[in-house]
C-alpha atoms as a PDB file:
ATOM      1  CA  UNK A   1    -259.523 165.265 220.587  1.00  0.00           C
ATOM      2  CA  UNK A   2    -255.942 165.384 219.179  1.00  0.00           C
ATOM      3  CA  UNK A   3    -254.986 162.559 221.560  1.00  0.00           C
ATOM      4  CA  UNK A   4    -257.981 160.548 220.475  1.00  0.00           C
ATOM      5  CA  UNK A   5    -256.946 160.983 216.883  1.00  0.00           C
ATOM      6  CA  UNK A   6    -253.422 159.801 217.669  1.00  0.00           C
ATOM      7  CA  UNK A   7    -254.379 156.784 219.746  1.00  0.00           C
ATOM      8  CA  UNK A   8    -256.918 155.740 216.917  1.00  0.00           C
ATOM      9  CA  UNK A   9    -254.302 156.047 214.350  1.00  0.00           C
ATOM     10  CA  UNK A  10    -251.634 154.077 216.281  1.00  0.00           C
ATOM     11  CA  UNK A  11    -254.153 151.201 217.120  1.00  0.00           C
ATOM     12  CA  UNK A  12    -254.918 150.788 213.489  1.00  0.00           C
ATOM     13  CA  UNK A  13    -251.355 151.152 212.442  1.00  0.00           C
ATOM     14  CA  UNK A  14    -250.270 148.319 214.758  1.00  0.00           C
ATOM     15  CA  UNK A  15    -253.237 146.041 214.756  1.00  0.00           C
ATOM     16  CA  UNK A  16    -254.843 146.650 211.193  1.00  0.00           C
ATOM     17  CA  UNK A  17    -254.536 143.382 209.109  1.00  0.00           C
ATOM     18  CA  UNK A  18    -254.042 144.633 205.592  1.00  0.00           C
ATOM     19  CA  UNK A  19    -251.475 144.951 202.913  1.00  0.00           C
ATOM     20  CA  UNK A  20    -251.352 147.170 199.928  1.00  0.00           C
ATOM     21  CA  UNK A  21    -250.659 144.081 197.717  1.00  0.00           C
ATOM     22  CA  UNK A  22    -254.342 142.702 198.630  1.00  0.00           C
ATOM     23  CA  UNK A  23    -255.835 145.886 197.284  1.00  0.00           C
ATOM     24  CA  UNK A  24    -253.687 146.723 194.253  1.00  0.00           C
ATOM     25  CA  UNK A  25    -251.555 143.521 193.569  1.00  0.00           C
ATOM     26  CA  UNK A  26    -248.420 145.603 194.105  1.00  0.00           C
ATOM     27  CA  UNK A  27    -245.521 144.980 196.479  1.00  0.00           C
ATOM     28  CA  UNK A  28    -246.517 145.436 200.198  1.00  0.00           C
ATOM     29  CA  UNK A  29    -246.326 148.966 201.615  1.00  0.00           C
ATOM     30  CA  UNK A  30    -246.221 150.266 205.030  1.00  0.00           C
ATOM     31  CA  UNK A  31    -249.477 151.886 206.044  1.00  0.00           C
ATOM     32  CA  UNK A  32    -248.004 155.420 206.066  1.00  0.00           C
ATOM     33  CA  UNK A  33    -246.665 154.851 202.571  1.00  0.00           C
ATOM     34  CA  UNK A  34    -249.992 153.554 201.395  1.00  0.00           C
ATOM     35  CA  UNK A  35    -251.932 156.587 202.919  1.00  0.00           C
ATOM     36  CA  UNK A  36    -249.355 159.070 201.349  1.00  0.00           C
ATOM     37  CA  UNK A  37    -249.751 157.668 197.996  1.00  0.00           C
ATOM     38  CA  UNK A  38    -253.527 157.878 198.363  1.00  0.00           C
ATOM     39  CA  UNK A  39    -253.200 161.623 199.596  1.00  0.00           C
ATOM     40  CA  UNK A  40    -251.122 162.516 196.686  1.00  0.00           C
ATOM     41  CA  UNK A  41    -253.448 160.926 194.142  1.00  0.00           C
ATOM     42  CA  UNK A  42    -256.562 162.596 195.560  1.00  0.00           C
ATOM     43  CA  UNK A  43    -254.978 165.917 196.598  1.00  0.00           C
ATOM     44  CA  UNK A  44    -256.004 165.781 200.103  1.00  0.00           C
ATOM     45  CA  UNK A  45    -254.685 168.074 202.962  1.00  0.00           C
ATOM     46  CA  UNK A  46    -255.544 168.135 206.661  1.00  0.00           C
ATOM     47  CA  UNK A  47    -255.669 170.919 209.040  1.00  0.00           C
ATOM     48  CA  UNK A  48    -253.216 169.357 211.547  1.00  0.00           C
ATOM     49  CA  UNK A  49    -251.049 166.267 212.168  1.00  0.00           C
ATOM     50  CA  UNK A  50    -253.592 164.996 214.712  1.00  0.00           C
ATOM     51  CA  UNK A  51    -256.293 165.092 212.207  1.00  0.00           C
ATOM     52  CA  UNK A  52    -254.128 163.313 209.563  1.00  0.00           C
ATOM     53  CA  UNK A  53    -253.302 160.717 212.067  1.00  0.00           C
ATOM     54  CA  UNK A  54    -256.963 160.062 212.695  1.00  0.00           C
ATOM     55  CA  UNK A  55    -257.615 159.783 208.986  1.00  0.00           C
ATOM     56  CA  UNK A  56    -254.854 157.177 208.700  1.00  0.00           C
ATOM     57  CA  UNK A  57    -256.855 155.004 211.132  1.00  0.00           C
ATOM     58  CA  UNK A  58    -260.145 155.686 209.202  1.00  0.00           C
ATOM     59  CA  UNK A  59    -258.298 154.769 205.924  1.00  0.00           C
ATOM     60  CA  UNK A  60    -257.020 151.540 207.486  1.00  0.00           C
ATOM     61  CA  UNK A  61    -260.309 150.392 208.465  1.00  0.00           C
ATOM     62  CA  UNK A  62    -261.610 151.151 204.965  1.00  0.00           C
ATOM     63  CA  UNK A  63    -258.734 149.143 203.469  1.00  0.00           C
ATOM     64  CA  UNK A  64    -259.670 146.183 205.744  1.00  0.00           C
ATOM     65  CA  UNK A  65    -263.252 146.469 204.784  1.00  0.00           C
ATOM     66  CA  UNK A  66    -262.139 146.487 200.864  1.00  0.00           C
ATOM     67  CA  UNK A  67    -260.050 143.359 201.452  1.00  0.00           C
ATOM     68  CA  UNK A  68    -262.815 141.474 203.396  1.00  0.00           C
ATOM     69  CA  UNK A  69    -265.244 142.320 200.638  1.00  0.00           C
ATOM     70  CA  UNK A  70    -263.093 141.117 197.851  1.00  0.00           C
ATOM     71  CA  UNK A  71    -262.367 137.939 199.628  1.00  0.00           C
ATOM     72  CA  UNK A  72    -266.027 137.301 200.216  1.00  0.00           C
ATOM     73  CA  UNK A  73    -266.730 137.601 196.469  1.00  0.00           C
ATOM     74  CA  UNK A  74    -270.489 137.528 196.747  1.00  0.00           C
ATOM     75  CA  UNK A  75    -271.413 140.572 194.758  1.00  0.00           C
ATOM     76  CA  UNK A  76    -271.444 141.866 191.039  1.00  0.00           C
ATOM     77  CA  UNK A  77    -269.722 145.041 192.027  1.00  0.00           C
ATOM     78  CA  UNK A  78    -266.609 146.410 193.371  1.00  0.00           C
ATOM     79  CA  UNK A  79    -265.313 148.535 196.123  1.00  0.00           C
ATOM     80  CA  UNK A  80    -261.971 150.315 196.516  1.00  0.00           C
ATOM     81  CA  UNK A  81    -260.025 153.189 197.802  1.00  0.00           C
ATOM     82  CA  UNK A  82    -261.919 155.995 195.957  1.00  0.00           C
ATOM     83  CA  UNK A  83    -261.856 159.786 197.051  1.00  0.00           C
ATOM     84  CA  UNK A  84    -263.987 158.892 200.217  1.00  0.00           C
ATOM     85  CA  UNK A  85    -261.555 156.372 201.594  1.00  0.00           C
ATOM     86  CA  UNK A  86    -260.445 158.579 204.467  1.00  0.00           C
ATOM     87  CA  UNK A  87    -263.970 159.080 205.699  1.00  0.00           C
ATOM     88  CA  UNK A  88    -265.997 156.770 207.959  1.00  0.00           C
ATOM     89  CA  UNK A  89    -269.325 155.599 206.507  1.00  0.00           C
ATOM     90  CA  UNK A  90    -271.115 157.806 208.956  1.00  0.00           C
ATOM     91  CA  UNK A  91    -269.092 160.852 207.906  1.00  0.00           C
ATOM     92  CA  UNK A  92    -269.729 160.110 204.301  1.00  0.00           C
ATOM     93  CA  UNK A  93    -273.458 159.949 204.823  1.00  0.00           C
ATOM     94  CA  UNK A  94    -273.473 163.228 207.045  1.00  0.00           C
ATOM     95  CA  UNK A  95    -271.607 165.070 204.187  1.00  0.00           C
ATOM     96  CA  UNK A  96    -272.644 163.729 200.799  1.00  0.00           C
ATOM     97  CA  UNK A  97    -276.275 162.731 201.317  1.00  0.00           C
ATOM     98  CA  UNK A  98    -279.225 164.756 202.466  1.00  0.00           C
ATOM     99  CA  UNK A  99    -282.869 165.084 203.357  1.00  0.00           C
ATOM    100  CA  UNK A 100    -285.185 164.219 200.673  1.00  0.00           C
ATOM    101  CA  UNK A 101    -288.384 166.350 201.014  1.00  0.00           C
ATOM    102  CA  UNK A 102    -291.783 164.404 200.409  1.00  0.00           C
ATOM    103  CA  UNK A 103    -293.812 165.448 197.396  1.00  0.00           C
ATOM    104  CA  UNK A 104    -296.928 167.572 197.648  1.00  0.00           C
ATOM    105  CA  UNK A 105    -298.901 167.419 194.536  1.00  0.00           C
ATOM    106  CA  UNK A 106    -301.527 169.870 195.665  1.00  0.00           C
ATOM    107  CA  UNK A 107    -299.030 172.624 196.504  1.00  0.00           C
ATOM    108  CA  UNK A 108    -296.627 172.537 193.441  1.00  0.00           C
ATOM    109  CA  UNK A 109    -297.977 173.295 190.105  1.00  0.00           C
ATOM    110  CA  UNK A 110    -297.157 171.620 186.638  1.00  0.00           C
ATOM    111  CA  UNK A 111    -297.949 168.005 187.583  1.00  0.00           C
ATOM    112  CA  UNK A 112    -299.483 166.119 184.723  1.00  0.00           C
ATOM    113  CA  UNK A 113    -300.808 162.442 184.330  1.00  0.00           C
ATOM    114  CA  UNK A 114    -298.120 159.805 183.647  1.00  0.00           C
ATOM    115  CA  UNK A 115    -297.649 159.805 179.962  1.00  0.00           C
ATOM    116  CA  UNK A 116    -295.636 156.502 179.229  1.00  0.00           C
ATOM    117  CA  UNK A 117    -298.100 153.965 180.525  1.00  0.00           C
ATOM    118  CA  UNK A 118    -298.796 152.208 177.170  1.00  0.00           C
ATOM    119  CA  UNK A 119    -295.364 152.688 175.359  1.00  0.00           C
ATOM    120  CA  UNK A 120    -293.320 149.738 174.309  1.00  0.00           C
ATOM    121  CA  UNK A 121    -289.834 150.211 175.583  1.00  0.00           C
ATOM    122  CA  UNK A 122    -286.821 148.878 173.875  1.00  0.00           C
ATOM    123  CA  UNK A 123    -284.678 146.115 175.612  1.00  0.00           C
ATOM    124  CA  UNK A 124    -281.926 148.625 176.201  1.00  0.00           C
ATOM    125  CA  UNK A 125    -281.119 152.304 175.974  1.00  0.00           C
ATOM    126  CA  UNK A 126    -278.167 154.646 176.927  1.00  0.00           C
ATOM    127  CA  UNK A 127    -278.962 158.197 176.560  1.00  0.00           C
ATOM    128  CA  UNK A 128    -275.175 158.913 176.816  1.00  0.00           C
ATOM    129  CA  UNK A 129    -274.807 157.322 173.426  1.00  0.00           C
ATOM    130  CA  UNK A 130    -277.449 159.570 172.084  1.00  0.00           C
ATOM    131  CA  UNK A 131    -275.577 162.844 173.220  1.00  0.00           C
ATOM    132  CA  UNK A 132    -278.232 163.732 175.578  1.00  0.00           C
ATOM    133  CA  UNK A 133    -276.227 163.705 178.758  1.00  0.00           C
ATOM    134  CA  UNK A 134    -273.786 166.450 179.907  1.00  0.00           C
ATOM    135  CA  UNK A 135    -270.492 165.449 181.783  1.00  0.00           C
ATOM    136  CA  UNK A 136    -270.764 164.427 185.264  1.00  0.00           C
ATOM    137  CA  UNK A 137    -270.650 167.196 187.908  1.00  0.00           C
ATOM    138  CA  UNK A 138    -269.821 167.496 191.487  1.00  0.00           C
ATOM    139  CA  UNK A 139    -272.192 168.750 194.170  1.00  0.00           C
ATOM    140  CA  UNK A 140    -269.215 168.871 196.785  1.00  0.00           C
ATOM    141  CA  UNK A 141    -270.183 168.877 200.418  1.00  0.00           C
ATOM    142  CA  UNK A 142    -273.432 170.713 199.807  1.00  0.00           C
ATOM    143  CA  UNK A 143    -276.593 168.328 199.831  1.00  0.00           C
ATOM    144  CA  UNK A 144    -277.727 169.626 196.466  1.00  0.00           C
ATOM    145  CA  UNK A 145    -278.158 166.212 194.816  1.00  0.00           C
ATOM    146  CA  UNK A 146    -281.926 167.076 194.161  1.00  0.00           C
ATOM    147  CA  UNK A 147    -280.818 170.182 192.058  1.00  0.00           C
ATOM    148  CA  UNK A 148    -278.243 168.082 190.094  1.00  0.00           C
ATOM    149  CA  UNK A 149    -280.756 165.288 189.466  1.00  0.00           C
ATOM    150  CA  UNK A 150    -283.414 167.635 188.271  1.00  0.00           C
ATOM    151  CA  UNK A 151    -281.015 169.634 185.964  1.00  0.00           C
ATOM    152  CA  UNK A 152    -279.724 166.509 184.378  1.00  0.00           C
ATOM    153  CA  UNK A 153    -283.292 165.491 183.495  1.00  0.00           C
ATOM    154  CA  UNK A 154    -284.183 168.960 182.153  1.00  0.00           C
ATOM    155  CA  UNK A 155    -280.921 169.016 180.103  1.00  0.00           C
ATOM    156  CA  UNK A 156    -281.909 165.468 178.678  1.00  0.00           C
ATOM    157  CA  UNK A 157    -285.383 166.432 177.595  1.00  0.00           C
ATOM    158  CA  UNK A 158    -284.224 169.728 176.249  1.00  0.00           C
ATOM    159  CA  UNK A 159    -281.772 167.941 174.030  1.00  0.00           C
ATOM    160  CA  UNK A 160    -284.243 165.380 172.789  1.00  0.00           C
ATOM    161  CA  UNK A 161    -286.932 168.060 171.980  1.00  0.00           C
ATOM    162  CA  UNK A 162    -284.476 170.768 170.658  1.00  0.00           C
ATOM    163  CA  UNK A 163    -281.415 169.022 169.515  1.00  0.00           C
ATOM    164  CA  UNK A 164    -279.167 171.313 171.617  1.00  0.00           C
ATOM    165  CA  UNK A 165    -277.362 169.982 174.684  1.00  0.00           C
ATOM    166  CA  UNK A 166    -276.724 172.790 177.249  1.00  0.00           C
ATOM    167  CA  UNK A 167    -275.331 172.473 180.650  1.00  0.00           C
ATOM    168  CA  UNK A 168    -277.878 174.096 182.940  1.00  0.00           C
ATOM    169  CA  UNK A 169    -277.560 175.876 186.257  1.00  0.00           C
ATOM    170  CA  UNK A 170    -277.888 173.960 189.591  1.00  0.00           C
ATOM    171  CA  UNK A 171    -276.989 177.158 191.292  1.00  0.00           C
ATOM    172  CA  UNK A 172    -280.217 178.747 190.137  1.00  0.00           C
ATOM    173  CA  UNK A 173    -282.281 176.016 191.790  1.00  0.00           C
ATOM    174  CA  UNK A 174    -280.123 176.104 194.894  1.00  0.00           C
ATOM    175  CA  UNK A 175    -280.444 179.914 195.426  1.00  0.00           C
ATOM    176  CA  UNK A 176    -283.701 180.726 193.889  1.00  0.00           C
ATOM    177  CA  UNK A 177    -286.093 177.819 194.403  1.00  0.00           C
ATOM    178  CA  UNK A 178    -287.525 178.422 197.843  1.00  0.00           C
ATOM    179  CA  UNK A 179    -289.666 175.425 197.864  1.00  0.00           C
ATOM    180  CA  UNK A 180    -286.445 173.376 198.370  1.00  0.00           C
ATOM    181  CA  UNK A 181    -284.050 173.606 201.215  1.00  0.00           C
ATOM    182  CA  UNK A 182    -280.729 174.358 199.433  1.00  0.00           C
ATOM    183  CA  UNK A 183    -277.807 172.382 200.753  1.00  0.00           C
ATOM    184  CA  UNK A 184    -280.058 170.956 203.420  1.00  0.00           C
ATOM    185  CA  UNK A 185    -282.190 168.888 200.918  1.00  0.00           C
ATOM    186  CA  UNK A 186    -284.843 168.915 198.319  1.00  0.00           C
ATOM    187  CA  UNK A 187    -286.878 166.994 195.797  1.00  0.00           C
ATOM    188  CA  UNK A 188    -286.500 166.938 192.006  1.00  0.00           C
ATOM    189  CA  UNK A 189    -290.173 167.402 191.262  1.00  0.00           C
ATOM    190  CA  UNK A 190    -290.341 170.635 193.423  1.00  0.00           C
ATOM    191  CA  UNK A 191    -287.318 171.850 191.259  1.00  0.00           C
ATOM    192  CA  UNK A 192    -289.264 171.133 188.109  1.00  0.00           C
ATOM    193  CA  UNK A 193    -292.299 173.093 189.369  1.00  0.00           C
ATOM    194  CA  UNK A 194    -290.058 175.975 190.241  1.00  0.00           C
ATOM    195  CA  UNK A 195    -288.595 175.992 186.616  1.00  0.00           C
ATOM    196  CA  UNK A 196    -292.049 175.969 185.275  1.00  0.00           C
ATOM    197  CA  UNK A 197    -293.306 178.771 187.472  1.00  0.00           C
ATOM    198  CA  UNK A 198    -290.037 180.750 186.580  1.00  0.00           C
ATOM    199  CA  UNK A 199    -290.587 180.295 182.989  1.00  0.00           C
ATOM    200  CA  UNK A 200    -287.154 178.642 182.493  1.00  0.00           C
ATOM    201  CA  UNK A 201    -283.755 178.031 183.708  1.00  0.00           C
ATOM    202  CA  UNK A 202    -280.403 179.485 182.843  1.00  0.00           C
ATOM    203  CA  UNK A 203    -277.102 177.940 181.824  1.00  0.00           C
ATOM    204  CA  UNK A 204    -274.452 176.749 184.120  1.00  0.00           C
ATOM    205  CA  UNK A 205    -271.937 179.196 182.488  1.00  0.00           C
ATOM    206  CA  UNK A 206    -274.112 182.142 183.209  1.00  0.00           C
ATOM    207  CA  UNK A 207    -274.887 181.137 186.778  1.00  0.00           C
ATOM    208  CA  UNK A 208    -272.089 178.753 187.918  1.00  0.00           C
ATOM    209  CA  UNK A 209    -272.297 176.459 191.051  1.00  0.00           C
ATOM    210  CA  UNK A 210    -271.190 178.297 194.101  1.00  0.00           C
ATOM    211  CA  UNK A 211    -272.996 176.557 197.018  1.00  0.00           C
ATOM    212  CA  UNK A 212    -271.700 179.113 199.647  1.00  0.00           C
ATOM    213  CA  UNK A 213    -273.700 181.830 197.773  1.00  0.00           C
ATOM    214  CA  UNK A 214    -277.192 181.597 199.138  1.00  0.00           C
ATOM    215  CA  UNK A 215    -278.787 184.756 197.699  1.00  0.00           C
ATOM    216  CA  UNK A 216    -280.497 184.540 194.340  1.00  0.00           C
ATOM    217  CA  UNK A 217    -279.334 186.598 191.330  1.00  0.00           C
ATOM    218  CA  UNK A 218    -282.643 187.761 189.953  1.00  0.00           C
ATOM    219  CA  UNK A 219    -281.119 188.979 186.690  1.00  0.00           C
ATOM    220  CA  UNK A 220    -279.531 185.705 186.060  1.00  0.00           C
ATOM    221  CA  UNK A 221    -282.788 183.845 187.111  1.00  0.00           C
ATOM    222  CA  UNK A 222    -284.569 185.394 184.271  1.00  0.00           C
ATOM    223  CA  UNK A 223    -282.089 184.773 181.642  1.00  0.00           C
ATOM    224  CA  UNK A 224    -283.777 181.489 180.264  1.00  0.00           C
ATOM    225  CA  UNK A 225    -281.817 179.015 178.167  1.00  0.00           C
ATOM    226  CA  UNK A 226    -284.271 176.154 178.471  1.00  0.00           C
ATOM    227  CA  UNK A 227    -287.896 175.626 179.795  1.00  0.00           C
ATOM    228  CA  UNK A 228    -290.255 172.967 180.749  1.00  0.00           C
ATOM    229  CA  UNK A 229    -294.058 173.281 180.728  1.00  0.00           C
ATOM    230  CA  UNK A 230    -294.972 170.371 183.100  1.00  0.00           C
ATOM    231  CA  UNK A 231    -293.621 167.214 184.841  1.00  0.00           C
ATOM    232  CA  UNK A 232    -294.987 163.854 185.687  1.00  0.00           C
ATOM    233  CA  UNK A 233    -294.452 161.161 188.340  1.00  0.00           C
ATOM    234  CA  UNK A 234    -293.713 157.497 187.516  1.00  0.00           C
ATOM    235  CA  UNK A 235    -296.361 155.435 189.343  1.00  0.00           C
ATOM    236  CA  UNK A 236    -294.566 154.225 192.602  1.00  0.00           C
ATOM    237  CA  UNK A 237    -292.983 150.885 192.932  1.00  0.00           C
ATOM    238  CA  UNK A 238    -293.347 149.850 189.335  1.00  0.00           C
ATOM    239  CA  UNK A 239    -290.055 149.109 187.490  1.00  0.00           C
ATOM    240  CA  UNK A 240    -291.992 148.365 184.262  1.00  0.00           C
ATOM    241  CA  UNK A 241    -293.426 151.835 184.290  1.00  0.00           C
ATOM    242  CA  UNK A 242    -290.069 153.347 185.071  1.00  0.00           C
ATOM    243  CA  UNK A 243    -288.460 151.535 182.270  1.00  0.00           C
ATOM    244  CA  UNK A 244    -291.136 153.010 179.922  1.00  0.00           C
ATOM    245  CA  UNK A 245    -290.148 156.500 181.180  1.00  0.00           C
ATOM    246  CA  UNK A 246    -286.372 155.983 180.953  1.00  0.00           C
ATOM    247  CA  UNK A 247    -286.829 154.621 177.363  1.00  0.00           C
ATOM    248  CA  UNK A 248    -288.168 157.966 176.364  1.00  0.00           C
ATOM    249  CA  UNK A 249    -285.968 160.505 178.514  1.00  0.00           C
ATOM    250  CA  UNK A 250    -283.744 160.632 181.521  1.00  0.00           C
ATOM    251  CA  UNK A 251    -285.722 160.370 184.817  1.00  0.00           C
ATOM    252  CA  UNK A 252    -284.853 161.735 188.232  1.00  0.00           C
ATOM    253  CA  UNK A 253    -285.165 159.169 191.156  1.00  0.00           C
ATOM    254  CA  UNK A 254    -284.659 159.214 194.914  1.00  0.00           C
ATOM    255  CA  UNK A 255    -282.513 156.456 196.366  1.00  0.00           C
ATOM    256  CA  UNK A 256    -281.090 154.941 199.454  1.00  0.00           C
ATOM    257  CA  UNK A 257    -277.357 155.504 199.070  1.00  0.00           C
ATOM    258  CA  UNK A 258    -276.266 154.155 202.541  1.00  0.00           C
ATOM    259  CA  UNK A 259    -273.996 151.500 200.932  1.00  0.00           C
ATOM    260  CA  UNK A 260    -272.324 153.637 198.055  1.00  0.00           C
ATOM    261  CA  UNK A 261    -269.429 154.944 200.211  1.00  0.00           C
ATOM    262  CA  UNK A 262    -266.638 152.915 198.593  1.00  0.00           C
ATOM    263  CA  UNK A 263    -268.336 151.800 195.328  1.00  0.00           C
ATOM    264  CA  UNK A 264    -266.095 151.657 192.365  1.00  0.00           C
ATOM    265  CA  UNK A 265    -267.808 149.832 189.687  1.00  0.00           C
ATOM    266  CA  UNK A 266    -270.038 146.841 188.546  1.00  0.00           C
ATOM    267  CA  UNK A 267    -273.783 146.166 188.963  1.00  0.00           C
ATOM    268  CA  UNK A 268    -274.735 147.248 192.456  1.00  0.00           C
ATOM    269  CA  UNK A 269    -276.636 144.354 194.017  1.00  0.00           C
ATOM    270  CA  UNK A 270    -275.858 144.840 197.822  1.00  0.00           C
ATOM    271  CA  UNK A 271    -278.906 144.607 200.169  1.00  0.00           C
ATOM    272  CA  UNK A 272    -280.073 148.045 200.961  1.00  0.00           C
ATOM    273  CA  UNK A 273    -283.005 149.815 202.347  1.00  0.00           C
ATOM    274  CA  UNK A 274    -285.483 152.355 201.334  1.00  0.00           C
ATOM    275  CA  UNK A 275    -284.349 155.180 203.524  1.00  0.00           C
ATOM    276  CA  UNK A 276    -284.265 157.658 200.664  1.00  0.00           C
ATOM    277  CA  UNK A 277    -281.303 160.045 201.273  1.00  0.00           C
ATOM    278  CA  UNK A 278    -279.949 160.896 197.777  1.00  0.00           C
ATOM    279  CA  UNK A 279    -281.074 161.756 194.259  1.00  0.00           C
ATOM    280  CA  UNK A 280    -279.650 160.536 190.941  1.00  0.00           C
ATOM    281  CA  UNK A 281    -280.760 160.500 187.347  1.00  0.00           C
ATOM    282  CA  UNK A 282    -281.569 157.293 185.430  1.00  0.00           C
ATOM    283  CA  UNK A 283    -280.009 157.770 181.985  1.00  0.00           C
ATOM    284  CA  UNK A 284    -280.421 154.325 180.641  1.00  0.00           C
ATOM    285  CA  UNK A 285    -280.771 150.492 181.214  1.00  0.00           C
ATOM    286  CA  UNK A 286    -279.230 147.290 179.716  1.00  0.00           C
ATOM    287  CA  UNK A 287    -278.429 143.703 180.461  1.00  0.00           C
ATOM    288  CA  UNK A 288    -274.731 142.416 180.871  1.00  0.00           C
ATOM    289  CA  UNK A 289    -273.173 139.349 179.396  1.00  0.00           C
ATOM    290  CA  UNK A 290    -274.356 137.185 182.250  1.00  0.00           C
ATOM    291  CA  UNK A 291    -277.993 138.138 181.729  1.00  0.00           C
ATOM    292  CA  UNK A 292    -278.120 140.606 184.791  1.00  0.00           C
ATOM    293  CA  UNK A 293    -280.306 143.581 183.915  1.00  0.00           C
ATOM    294  CA  UNK A 294    -279.291 147.064 185.380  1.00  0.00           C
ATOM    295  CA  UNK A 295    -280.031 150.627 185.502  1.00  0.00           C
ATOM    296  CA  UNK A 296    -277.435 153.357 184.572  1.00  0.00           C
ATOM    297  CA  UNK A 297    -277.618 156.293 187.005  1.00  0.00           C
ATOM    298  CA  UNK A 298    -275.754 159.520 186.638  1.00  0.00           C
ATOM    299  CA  UNK A 299    -274.423 160.682 190.051  1.00  0.00           C
ATOM    300  CA  UNK A 300    -273.311 164.080 191.248  1.00  0.00           C
ATOM    301  CA  UNK A 301    -270.143 163.122 193.229  1.00  0.00           C
ATOM    302  CA  UNK A 302    -267.628 163.916 190.543  1.00  0.00           C
ATOM    303  CA  UNK A 303    -266.205 161.578 187.809  1.00  0.00           C
ATOM    304  CA  UNK A 304    -263.459 160.023 190.146  1.00  0.00           C
ATOM    305  CA  UNK A 305    -266.460 158.096 191.969  1.00  0.00           C
ATOM    306  CA  UNK A 306    -267.945 154.935 190.644  1.00  0.00           C
ATOM    307  CA  UNK A 307    -267.787 154.205 186.932  1.00  0.00           C
ATOM    308  CA  UNK A 308    -266.540 157.766 185.947  1.00  0.00           C
ATOM    309  CA  UNK A 309    -269.224 159.305 188.141  1.00  0.00           C
ATOM    310  CA  UNK A 310    -272.019 156.670 187.244  1.00  0.00           C
ATOM    311  CA  UNK A 311    -273.344 153.588 189.219  1.00  0.00           C
ATOM    312  CA  UNK A 312    -275.115 150.730 187.648  1.00  0.00           C
ATOM    313  CA  UNK A 313    -277.900 149.260 189.880  1.00  0.00           C
ATOM    314  CA  UNK A 314    -279.595 145.906 189.528  1.00  0.00           C
ATOM    315  CA  UNK A 315    -282.889 146.067 187.658  1.00  0.00           C
ATOM    316  CA  UNK A 316    -286.176 144.188 188.197  1.00  0.00           C
ATOM    317  CA  UNK A 317    -285.363 143.061 191.662  1.00  0.00           C
ATOM    318  CA  UNK A 318    -287.991 141.100 193.690  1.00  0.00           C
ATOM    319  CA  UNK A 319    -288.584 144.119 195.949  1.00  0.00           C
ATOM    320  CA  UNK A 320    -291.291 146.320 194.428  1.00  0.00           C
ATOM    321  CA  UNK A 321    -289.410 149.459 195.462  1.00  0.00           C
ATOM    322  CA  UNK A 322    -286.609 148.582 193.298  1.00  0.00           C
ATOM    323  CA  UNK A 323    -282.902 148.306 194.173  1.00  0.00           C
ATOM    324  CA  UNK A 324    -282.315 150.792 197.024  1.00  0.00           C
ATOM    325  CA  UNK A 325    -285.811 152.169 196.667  1.00  0.00           C
ATOM    326  CA  UNK A 326    -285.126 153.674 193.151  1.00  0.00           C
ATOM    327  CA  UNK A 327    -288.695 153.052 191.955  1.00  0.00           C
ATOM    328  CA  UNK A 328    -290.328 154.709 194.920  1.00  0.00           C
ATOM    329  CA  UNK A 329    -290.067 158.346 193.816  1.00  0.00           C
ATOM    330  CA  UNK A 330    -289.300 159.074 190.231  1.00  0.00           C
ATOM    331  CA  UNK A 331    -290.241 162.088 188.058  1.00  0.00           C
ATOM    332  CA  UNK A 332    -289.474 163.669 184.777  1.00  0.00           C
ATOM    333  CA  UNK A 333    -289.944 167.170 183.117  1.00  0.00           C
ATOM    334  CA  UNK A 334    -291.973 167.630 180.056  1.00  0.00           C
ATOM    335  CA  UNK A 335    -291.621 170.191 177.200  1.00  0.00           C
END
């Protein structure tokens, strides 16, 4: 394997058609210099020189992709050398996405009819401006996006209804909610059902995120800082109803994130499928200066990814499922 790493790295070092100037506008740099600068910026370390050489090859391919994407100029979003630039797309998907479990309304208590069918939604809203959204968090290499999505929605409705913005515990959902599969996957609505059955959820400060710790702390589990009494599904494949819901509170959605690897900003309008493999929280929507409507989604890959941890996704697309399937499976907690 070490030889394979070295061969791959040398191949891309010799034949990779790229320059740092094409990516950053700076003077040309050697491949090794460019990679070393990226390593220093992101604090990356590798177990061996062979692994580092292999990562240089992967990094080179990603630089070529970024350059080709920018030259094409067909999209309303940008890509770049973010913190995932030393991963192949396949490695990124295997590490940072997960299995999204299917809902089962008959098995999980707390489901109520959709409550926002007849509301009049404003033309735009950003719950961040209303002080309803906590800072972006980082799930790391654990597939706990479902917990982060659910917690962000609970934090939001708790703030709206009580006036208190509290950072709540993803770890409690990860360790104590046995209807989901921890780092192996889950679903936001199952997390809501657990919080209802448990009588509440504790704070992040009281029960901090430690994904390697799988056992549930029963004492912390019962130290409630917030509660919900029901949850609702947005009718599937209906962006109007989804807009009605987001106009009233942050909403958890499942999404196909196969093309998010190197996203750095803008309105994501790349063709994508409906293979739901990630969960985020919609915290608003708006229209840009060119008249393009978009959703604002809070992600859980840290604030160095995307737009300070957020992604804007094109809104009101021709496909009924929404951009990347975001309208297929959306739910929200109620107090």
